[in-house]
PDB file of N, CA and C in Angstrom:
ATOM      1  N   MET A   1       1.810  45.375 -19.929  1.00  0.00           N
ATOM      2  CA  MET A   1       2.508  44.152 -19.136  1.00  0.00           C
ATOM      3  C   MET A   1       3.186  45.102 -18.077  1.00  0.00           C
ATOM      4  N   GLU A   2       3.774  45.507 -17.759  1.00  0.00           N
ATOM      5  CA  GLU A   2       4.434  46.019 -16.897  1.00  0.00           C
ATOM      6  C   GLU A   2       3.569  46.560 -16.153  1.00  0.00           C
ATOM      7  N   GLU A   3       2.046  47.293 -15.809  1.00  0.00           N
ATOM      8  CA  GLU A   3       1.432  47.542 -15.402  1.00  0.00           C
ATOM      9  C   GLU A   3       0.470  46.949 -14.714  1.00  0.00           C
ATOM     10  N   GLN A   4       0.078  45.768 -15.382  1.00  0.00           N
ATOM     11  CA  GLN A   4      -0.413  44.260 -14.352  1.00  0.00           C
ATOM     12  C   GLN A   4       1.314  43.856 -14.049  1.00  0.00           C
ATOM     13  N   VAL A   5       2.348  43.723 -13.534  1.00  0.00           N
ATOM     14  CA  VAL A   5       3.220  43.569 -12.821  1.00  0.00           C
ATOM     15  C   VAL A   5       3.222  44.713 -11.637  1.00  0.00           C
ATOM     16  N   ASN A   6       3.281  45.512 -12.398  1.00  0.00           N
ATOM     17  CA  ASN A   6       3.427  46.510 -11.073  1.00  0.00           C
ATOM     18  C   ASN A   6       1.933  46.755  -9.655  1.00  0.00           C
ATOM     19  N   VAL A   7       1.119  45.877 -10.675  1.00  0.00           N
ATOM     20  CA  VAL A   7      -0.320  45.745 -10.188  1.00  0.00           C
ATOM     21  C   VAL A   7      -0.213  44.948  -8.985  1.00  0.00           C
ATOM     22  N   LYS A   8       0.656  43.985  -9.254  1.00  0.00           N
ATOM     23  CA  LYS A   8       0.457  42.961  -8.784  1.00  0.00           C
ATOM     24  C   LYS A   8       1.385  42.803  -7.722  1.00  0.00           C
ATOM     25  N   LYS A   9       2.168  43.800  -7.700  1.00  0.00           N
ATOM     26  CA  LYS A   9       3.483  43.992  -6.663  1.00  0.00           C
ATOM     27  C   LYS A   9       3.185  44.160  -5.500  1.00  0.00           C
ATOM     28  N   PHE A  10       1.718  45.303  -5.809  1.00  0.00           N
ATOM     29  CA  PHE A  10       1.529  46.532  -4.710  1.00  0.00           C
ATOM     30  C   PHE A  10       0.523  46.086  -3.683  1.00  0.00           C
ATOM     31  N   ARG A  11      -0.760  45.007  -4.828  1.00  0.00           N
ATOM     32  CA  ARG A  11      -1.247  44.114  -4.085  1.00  0.00           C
ATOM     33  C   ARG A  11      -0.455  42.830  -2.780  1.00  0.00           C
ATOM     34  N   GLN A  12       0.141  42.708  -3.715  1.00  0.00           N
ATOM     35  CA  GLN A  12       1.816  42.030  -2.612  1.00  0.00           C
ATOM     36  C   GLN A  12       2.163  42.638  -1.463  1.00  0.00           C
ATOM     37  N   GLU A  13       2.593  43.782  -1.249  1.00  0.00           N
ATOM     38  CA  GLU A  13       3.197  44.785  -0.743  1.00  0.00           C
ATOM     39  C   GLU A  13       1.904  45.714   0.248  1.00  0.00           C
ATOM     40  N   PHE A  14       0.726  45.713  -0.372  1.00  0.00           N
ATOM     41  CA  PHE A  14      -0.535  45.620   0.756  1.00  0.00           C
ATOM     42  C   PHE A  14      -0.934  44.793   1.642  1.00  0.00           C
ATOM     43  N   GLY A  15      -0.893  43.519   1.330  1.00  0.00           N
ATOM     44  CA  GLY A  15      -0.377  42.307   2.290  1.00  0.00           C
ATOM     45  C   GLY A  15       0.054  42.094   3.310  1.00  0.00           C
ATOM     46  N   MET A  16       0.985  42.378   2.401  1.00  0.00           N
ATOM     47  CA  MET A  16       2.371  42.204   4.229  1.00  0.00           C
ATOM     48  C   MET A  16       2.400  43.643   4.473  1.00  0.00           C
ATOM     49  N   ALA A  17       1.881  44.293   4.178  1.00  0.00           N
ATOM     50  CA  ALA A  17       2.408  45.684   5.227  1.00  0.00           C
ATOM     51  C   ALA A  17       0.561  45.828   6.431  1.00  0.00           C
ATOM     52  N   ILE A  18      -0.372  45.278   6.281  1.00  0.00           N
ATOM     53  CA  ILE A  18      -1.138  44.900   6.693  1.00  0.00           C
ATOM     54  C   ILE A  18      -1.237  43.859   7.448  1.00  0.00           C
ATOM     55  N   ARG A  19       0.179  42.238   7.554  1.00  0.00           N
ATOM     56  CA  ARG A  19       0.177  41.559   7.996  1.00  0.00           C
ATOM     57  C   ARG A  19       1.191  42.487   9.179  1.00  0.00           C
ATOM     58  N   LYS A  20       1.848  42.485   8.515  1.00  0.00           N
ATOM     59  CA  LYS A  20       2.887  43.695   9.647  1.00  0.00           C
ATOM     60  C   LYS A  20       2.293  44.211  11.126  1.00  0.00           C
ATOM     61  N   LYS A  21       1.560  44.854  10.132  1.00  0.00           N
ATOM     62  CA  LYS A  21       0.780  45.988  11.147  1.00  0.00           C
ATOM     63  C   LYS A  21       0.286  44.986  11.525  1.00  0.00           C
ATOM     64  N   ARG A  22      -0.706  43.685  11.736  1.00  0.00           N
ATOM     65  CA  ARG A  22      -1.391  43.077  12.426  1.00  0.00           C
ATOM     66  C   ARG A  22      -0.976  42.701  13.605  1.00  0.00           C
ATOM     67  N   HIS A  23       0.611  41.422  12.978  1.00  0.00           N
ATOM     68  CA  HIS A  23       0.728  41.108  14.095  1.00  0.00           C
ATOM     69  C   HIS A  23       1.541  42.391  15.054  1.00  0.00           C
ATOM     70  N   LYS A  24       1.637  42.954  14.652  1.00  0.00           N
ATOM     71  CA  LYS A  24       2.461  44.263  15.459  1.00  0.00           C
ATOM     72  C   LYS A  24       1.584  44.325  16.745  1.00  0.00           C
ATOM     73  N   LEU A  25       0.537  44.803  16.329  1.00  0.00           N
ATOM     74  CA  LEU A  25      -0.594  44.821  17.746  1.00  0.00           C
ATOM     75  C   LEU A  25      -2.036  43.372  17.976  1.00  0.00           C
ATOM     76  N   ASN A  26      -0.624  41.746  17.290  1.00  0.00           N
ATOM     77  CA  ASN A  26      -1.050  40.685  18.749  1.00  0.00           C
ATOM     78  C   ASN A  26      -2.415  40.343  18.112  1.00  0.00           C
ATOM     79  N   LEU A  27      -2.493  40.870  16.947  1.00  0.00           N
ATOM     80  CA  LEU A  27      -4.183  40.272  16.697  1.00  0.00           C
ATOM     81  C   LEU A  27      -4.185  39.096  16.102  1.00  0.00           C
ATOM     82  N   SER A  28      -4.987  37.709  15.924  1.00  0.00           N
ATOM     83  CA  SER A  28      -4.807  36.860  14.708  1.00  0.00           C
ATOM     84  C   SER A  28      -5.540  37.670  14.160  1.00  0.00           C
ATOM     85  N   GLN A  29      -5.748  36.546  12.980  1.00  0.00           N
ATOM     86  CA  GLN A  29      -6.840  36.913  11.402  1.00  0.00           C
ATOM     87  C   GLN A  29      -8.088  36.799  11.816  1.00  0.00           C
ATOM     88  N   GLU A  30      -7.998  35.840  12.691  1.00  0.00           N
ATOM     89  CA  GLU A  30      -9.720  35.395  13.250  1.00  0.00           C
ATOM     90  C   GLU A  30      -9.885  37.159  13.934  1.00  0.00           C
ATOM     91  N   ASN A  31      -9.481  37.339  14.656  1.00  0.00           N
ATOM     92  CA  ASN A  31      -9.787  38.740  15.709  1.00  0.00           C
ATOM     93  C   ASN A  31      -9.748  39.752  14.902  1.00  0.00           C
ATOM     94  N   PHE A  32      -8.638  40.118  13.929  1.00  0.00           N
ATOM     95  CA  PHE A  32      -8.438  41.056  13.390  1.00  0.00           C
ATOM     96  C   PHE A  32      -9.267  41.027  12.169  1.00  0.00           C
ATOM     97  N   ALA A  33     -10.020  40.376  11.469  1.00  0.00           N
ATOM     98  CA  ALA A  33     -11.841  40.549  10.748  1.00  0.00           C
ATOM     99  C   ALA A  33     -12.243  40.824  12.232  1.00  0.00           C
ATOM    100  N   ASP A  34     -12.880  39.835  12.654  1.00  0.00           N
ATOM    101  CA  ASP A  34     -13.923  40.643  13.232  1.00  0.00           C
ATOM    102  C   ASP A  34     -13.929  41.782  13.338  1.00  0.00           C
ATOM    103  N   LEU A  35     -12.847  42.881  13.564  1.00  0.00           N
ATOM    104  CA  LEU A  35     -12.692  44.352  13.645  1.00  0.00           C
ATOM    105  C   LEU A  35     -12.556  45.054  12.604  1.00  0.00           C
ATOM    106  N   ALA A  36     -12.652  44.269  11.815  1.00  0.00           N
ATOM    107  CA  ALA A  36     -12.318  45.131  10.128  1.00  0.00           C
ATOM    108  C   ALA A  36     -13.770  44.705   9.914  1.00  0.00           C
ATOM    109  N   ASN A  37     -14.425  43.891  10.041  1.00  0.00           N
ATOM    110  CA  ASN A  37     -15.740  42.981   9.934  1.00  0.00           C
ATOM    111  C   ASN A  37     -15.679  42.334   8.411  1.00  0.00           C
ATOM    112  N   ILE A  38     -14.759  41.529   8.345  1.00  0.00           N
ATOM    113  CA  ILE A  38     -14.531  40.958   6.866  1.00  0.00           C
ATOM    114  C   ILE A  38     -14.502  39.232   8.058  1.00  0.00           C
ATOM    115  N   HIS A  39     -14.431  38.719   5.914  1.00  0.00           N
ATOM    116  CA  HIS A  39     -13.980  37.476   6.522  1.00  0.00           C
ATOM    117  C   HIS A  39     -12.535  37.105   6.408  1.00  0.00           C
ATOM    118  N   ARG A  40     -12.331  35.637   7.963  1.00  0.00           N
ATOM    119  CA  ARG A  40     -11.197  35.747   8.074  1.00  0.00           C
ATOM    120  C   ARG A  40     -10.537  34.736   7.066  1.00  0.00           C
ATOM    121  N   THR A  41     -11.357  34.315   5.940  1.00  0.00           N
ATOM    122  CA  THR A  41     -10.473  33.871   5.080  1.00  0.00           C
ATOM    123  C   THR A  41      -9.948  34.800   3.844  1.00  0.00           C
ATOM    124  N   TYR A  42     -10.710  35.821   4.490  1.00  0.00           N
ATOM    125  CA  TYR A  42     -10.800  37.188   2.712  1.00  0.00           C
ATOM    126  C   TYR A  42     -10.013  37.996   3.533  1.00  0.00           C
ATOM    127  N   VAL A  43      -9.086  37.870   4.912  1.00  0.00           N
ATOM    128  CA  VAL A  43      -8.468  38.854   5.572  1.00  0.00           C
ATOM    129  C   VAL A  43      -7.093  37.394   5.210  1.00  0.00           C
ATOM    130  N   SER A  44      -6.621  37.039   5.195  1.00  0.00           N
ATOM    131  CA  SER A  44      -5.811  35.599   4.993  1.00  0.00           C
ATOM    132  C   SER A  44      -5.999  35.763   2.969  1.00  0.00           C
ATOM    133  N   SER A  45      -5.987  35.869   2.369  1.00  0.00           N
ATOM    134  CA  SER A  45      -6.196  36.115   0.953  1.00  0.00           C
ATOM    135  C   SER A  45      -5.439  37.343   0.949  1.00  0.00           C
ATOM    136  N   ILE A  46      -6.522  38.537   1.493  1.00  0.00           N
ATOM    137  CA  ILE A  46      -5.417  39.897   1.154  1.00  0.00           C
ATOM    138  C   ILE A  46      -4.151  39.505   1.922  1.00  0.00           C
ATOM    139  N   GLU A  47      -3.736  39.597   2.879  1.00  0.00           N
ATOM    140  CA  GLU A  47      -2.000  38.758   3.264  1.00  0.00           C
ATOM    141  C   GLU A  47      -1.656  38.699   1.879  1.00  0.00           C
ATOM    142  N   LEU A  48      -1.363  37.410   1.645  1.00  0.00           N
ATOM    143  CA  LEU A  48      -1.038  37.111   0.291  1.00  0.00           C
ATOM    144  C   LEU A  48      -1.264  37.451  -0.687  1.00  0.00           C
ATOM    145  N   GLY A  49      -1.843  38.468  -0.653  1.00  0.00           N
ATOM    146  CA  GLY A  49      -1.637  38.913  -2.195  1.00  0.00           C
ATOM    147  C   GLY A  49      -2.350  38.711  -3.323  1.00  0.00           C
ATOM    148  N   LYS A  50      -3.485  37.966  -3.414  1.00  0.00           N
ATOM    149  CA  LYS A  50      -3.826  36.683  -3.834  1.00  0.00           C
ATOM    150  C   LYS A  50      -5.196  37.532  -4.570  1.00  0.00           C
ATOM    151  N   VAL A  51      -5.185  38.996  -3.952  1.00  0.00           N
ATOM    152  CA  VAL A  51      -7.648  39.743  -4.142  1.00  0.00           C
ATOM    153  C   VAL A  51      -6.962  41.040  -4.770  1.00  0.00           C
ATOM    154  N   ASP A  52      -7.415  42.035  -5.181  1.00  0.00           N
ATOM    155  CA  ASP A  52      -8.062  43.413  -5.427  1.00  0.00           C
ATOM    156  C   ASP A  52      -8.661  43.656  -4.298  1.00  0.00           C
ATOM    157  N   VAL A  53      -8.108  44.745  -3.367  1.00  0.00           N
ATOM    158  CA  VAL A  53      -9.318  45.232  -2.159  1.00  0.00           C
ATOM    159  C   VAL A  53      -9.861  46.181  -2.825  1.00  0.00           C
ATOM    160  N   GLY A  54     -11.676  46.122  -2.182  1.00  0.00           N
ATOM    161  CA  GLY A  54     -11.910  47.213  -2.839  1.00  0.00           C
ATOM    162  C   GLY A  54     -12.102  48.496  -1.663  1.00  0.00           C
ATOM    163  N   ILE A  55     -12.333  50.093  -1.882  1.00  0.00           N
ATOM    164  CA  ILE A  55     -11.916  51.155  -1.301  1.00  0.00           C
ATOM    165  C   ILE A  55     -12.364  51.201   0.085  1.00  0.00           C
ATOM    166  N   GLY A  56     -14.177  50.341   0.481  1.00  0.00           N
ATOM    167  CA  GLY A  56     -15.001  50.442   1.487  1.00  0.00           C
ATOM    168  C   GLY A  56     -13.635  48.721   2.658  1.00  0.00           C
ATOM    169  N   VAL A  57     -13.631  48.376   1.932  1.00  0.00           N
ATOM    170  CA  VAL A  57     -13.223  47.266   2.440  1.00  0.00           C
ATOM    171  C   VAL A  57     -10.975  47.603   2.911  1.00  0.00           C
ATOM    172  N   ALA A  58     -10.084  48.321   1.943  1.00  0.00           N
ATOM    173  CA  ALA A  58      -9.216  48.875   2.419  1.00  0.00           C
ATOM    174  C   ALA A  58      -9.367  49.723   3.069  1.00  0.00           C
ATOM    175  N   TYR A  59     -10.805  50.489   3.095  1.00  0.00           N
ATOM    176  CA  TYR A  59     -10.873  51.764   4.758  1.00  0.00           C
ATOM    177  C   TYR A  59     -10.557  50.633   6.493  1.00  0.00           C
ATOM    178  N   LYS A  60     -12.080  49.644   5.978  1.00  0.00           N
ATOM    179  CA  LYS A  60     -12.240  49.231   7.239  1.00  0.00           C
ATOM    180  C   LYS A  60     -11.195  48.509   8.053  1.00  0.00           C
ATOM    181  N   ILE A  61     -10.255  48.170   6.999  1.00  0.00           N
ATOM    182  CA  ILE A  61      -8.520  47.753   7.716  1.00  0.00           C
ATOM    183  C   ILE A  61      -8.078  48.194   7.918  1.00  0.00           C
ATOM    184  N   ALA A  62      -7.496  49.957   7.242  1.00  0.00           N
ATOM    185  CA  ALA A  62      -6.874  50.893   8.062  1.00  0.00           C
ATOM    186  C   ALA A  62      -7.318  51.052   9.371  1.00  0.00           C
ATOM    187  N   ARG A  63      -8.478  51.323   9.235  1.00  0.00           N
ATOM    188  CA  ARG A  63      -9.405  51.837  10.790  1.00  0.00           C
ATOM    189  C   ARG A  63      -8.797  50.454  12.028  1.00  0.00           C
ATOM    190  N   ALA A  64      -9.436  48.943  11.482  1.00  0.00           N
ATOM    191  CA  ALA A  64      -8.854  47.812  12.422  1.00  0.00           C
ATOM    192  C   ALA A  64      -7.685  47.887  12.527  1.00  0.00           C
ATOM    193  N   LEU A  65      -6.995  49.199  12.232  1.00  0.00           N
ATOM    194  CA  LEU A  65      -4.945  48.899  12.590  1.00  0.00           C
ATOM    195  C   LEU A  65      -5.086  49.808  13.318  1.00  0.00           C
ATOM    196  N   ASN A  66      -5.868  50.419  13.504  1.00  0.00           N
ATOM    197  CA  ASN A  66      -5.533  52.022  13.845  1.00  0.00           C
ATOM    198  C   ASN A  66      -4.583  52.378  13.087  1.00  0.00           C
ATOM    199  N   LEU A  67      -5.054  53.671  12.253  1.00  0.00           N
ATOM    200  CA  LEU A  67      -4.779  53.556  10.671  1.00  0.00           C
ATOM    201  C   LEU A  67      -5.249  54.709   9.743  1.00  0.00           C
ATOM    202  N   SER A  68      -4.928  55.377   9.250  1.00  0.00           N
ATOM    203  CA  SER A  68      -6.206  56.339   8.169  1.00  0.00           C
ATOM    204  C   SER A  68      -5.668  55.346   7.200  1.00  0.00           C
ATOM    205  N   LEU A  69      -6.197  55.808   6.181  1.00  0.00           N
ATOM    206  CA  LEU A  69      -5.940  54.704   4.782  1.00  0.00           C
ATOM    207  C   LEU A  69      -4.734  55.423   4.360  1.00  0.00           C
ATOM    208  N   SER A  70      -5.104  56.482   4.288  1.00  0.00           N
ATOM    209  CA  SER A  70      -4.236  56.928   3.483  1.00  0.00           C
ATOM    210  C   SER A  70      -2.148  57.071   3.668  1.00  0.00           C
ATOM    211  N   LYS A  71      -2.550  56.723   5.171  1.00  0.00           N
ATOM    212  CA  LYS A  71      -1.086  55.928   5.659  1.00  0.00           C
ATOM    213  C   LYS A  71      -0.485  54.485   5.124  1.00  0.00           C
ATOM    214  N   LEU A  72      -1.986  54.742   5.173  1.00  0.00           N
ATOM    215  CA  LEU A  72      -1.008  52.739   4.943  1.00  0.00           C
ATOM    216  C   LEU A  72      -1.610  52.670   3.487  1.00  0.00           C
ATOM    217  N   LEU A  73      -1.642  52.945   2.642  1.00  0.00           N
ATOM    218  CA  LEU A  73      -0.779  53.355   1.757  1.00  0.00           C
ATOM    219  C   LEU A  73       0.539  53.430   0.804  1.00  0.00           C
ATOM    220  N   LYS A  74       0.132  55.085   1.845  1.00  0.00           N
ATOM    221  CA  LYS A  74       1.624  55.396   1.526  1.00  0.00           C
ATOM    222  C   LYS A  74       2.280  53.914   2.096  1.00  0.00           C
ATOM    223  N   GLU A  75       2.314  53.168   3.220  1.00  0.00           N
ATOM    224  CA  GLU A  75       2.937  52.976   3.913  1.00  0.00           C
ATOM    225  C   GLU A  75       3.823  51.579   2.472  1.00  0.00           C
ATOM    226  N   THR A  76       2.759  51.413   2.059  1.00  0.00           N
ATOM    227  CA  THR A  76       3.171  50.015   0.963  1.00  0.00           C
ATOM    228  C   THR A  76       3.835  51.121  -0.658  1.00  0.00           C
ATOM    229  N   GLU A  77       2.995  51.996  -0.755  1.00  0.00           N
ATOM    230  CA  GLU A  77       3.492  52.578  -2.476  1.00  0.00           C
ATOM    231  C   GLU A  77       5.584  52.808  -1.500  1.00  0.00           C
ATOM    232  N   SER A  78       5.573  53.316   0.132  1.00  0.00           N
ATOM    233  CA  SER A  78       7.429  52.875   0.003  1.00  0.00           C
ATOM    234  C   SER A  78       8.016  51.894  -0.371  1.00  0.00           C
ATOM    235  N   CYS A  79       6.893  51.351   0.274  1.00  0.00           N
ATOM    236  CA  CYS A  79       8.223  49.542   0.153  1.00  0.00           C
ATOM    237  C   CYS A  79       7.836  49.152  -1.246  1.00  0.00           C
ATOM    238  N   LEU A  80       7.168  50.053  -2.172  1.00  0.00           N
ATOM    239  CA  LEU A  80       7.694  49.593  -3.512  1.00  0.00           C
ATOM    240  C   LEU A  80       8.706  50.319  -4.155  1.00  0.00           C
ATOM    241  N   LYS A  81       9.549  51.461  -3.837  1.00  0.00           N
ATOM    242  CA  LYS A  81      10.234  52.573  -4.713  1.00  0.00           C
ATOM    243  C   LYS A  81      11.484  51.527  -3.628  1.00  0.00           C
ATOM    244  N   ASP A  82      11.387  50.407  -2.388  1.00  0.00           N
ATOM    245  CA  ASP A  82      12.800  49.919  -2.611  1.00  0.00           C
ATOM    246  C   ASP A  82      13.686  49.284  -3.149  1.00  0.00           C
TER     247      ASP A  82
END
């Protein structure tokens, strides 16, 4: 049960990290979705922590944010420790 809670929390933090980075780049969800080559509604679901993201999509997201995937994941994990 605790693991499910941790995964849910990670998904939410991952989504919030993406939204924060996207806002810093002044990108709308639509523009960001185009850069990442994913659907805009999927971006919304990811940012809201509603869906699990596959490694390929996570890589596309990181690249669209001009980050390495490892940096995006580390930033997400650091939020969990707070």
